[in-house]
Amino acid sequence: MTTLFISDLHLESARPDIGAQFLGFLRGVARSADALYILGDLFESWVGDDDPDEHYATVKRALRELADSGVPLFFMHGNRDFMIGQRFADDTSATLLTDPHLLKIDGVEVLLSHGDALCTDDTEYQAFRQMTRNPAWQAMMLQKTLADRQVYARQARAASQQRGATMSPVIADVNQAAVEALMVQYGVNRLLHGHTHRPAVHRFMRDQERMTRIVLGDWYEQGSVVRWDSNGPRLEVLKR
């Protein structure tokens, strides 16, 4: 059995190269998988399931084709597409996951997360995250017109880019204590996440137990996937 994990594609019409690679991935490599897990930030922004954008519609159709081919599809919200809802899930035949999500593969437990909740040193972002994950806030946003939501998304994106340009790399990364606390809470020694765009396999010890944290990369210059089969997980690069 082979399970595939991806995250942080940040799909948008301004980057057709990423979209083309992803569509090829869905119609190629992913068709032979036993399941595909998307761990957030599939889209650069998502202001509601009612957005008629044709670029998004093309992606949704391709996801549905994959699911209809017999490959189970799972989706976890990221910090860019946290407004994805049940209509999207219905359109793509994807199962929405809570963050974090505990998964067992070949008898091995791994904790899945987008990863942004672990960046606890960035207190300003964590306050924003808490606000935007509130169902009441999301309901309020969905009452606004699509155009107003798109303006808000552009402004939030610009502010995020401005902050990111001056932010310390340490603050933007996950906090090790938060990582360990989460893994202990769920009783696992394996964690898989994205968000930081820093693909790597981190191994460390905690109370004489070997722990592993696998970080997926983004798709800006090349694809990033974790392939998990009977031999365990492998972090791979997909050349464009």
Foldseek 3Di string as FASTA:
>chain_A
DKEKEFEAQQDDPVCVVSVVVVLCCLVPVLLPHQEYEYAENPHVADLAPPDPDVSVVVVLVSLLVSVVSPYAYEYEYDPHYLRDDDVSCVSNVHHYDYPWDWDADPNAIETEHQFPCQLVLPVVVNVVVVQVNDPVNSVVSVVDDPVVSVVVSVVVVVVVVVCVVPDDLSSLHGDPVSVVVVCVVVVHQHYEHERSQPFDWDWDDDPNDIHIYGYWHYPPQWTWMWMQDPVGTDIDTGHD
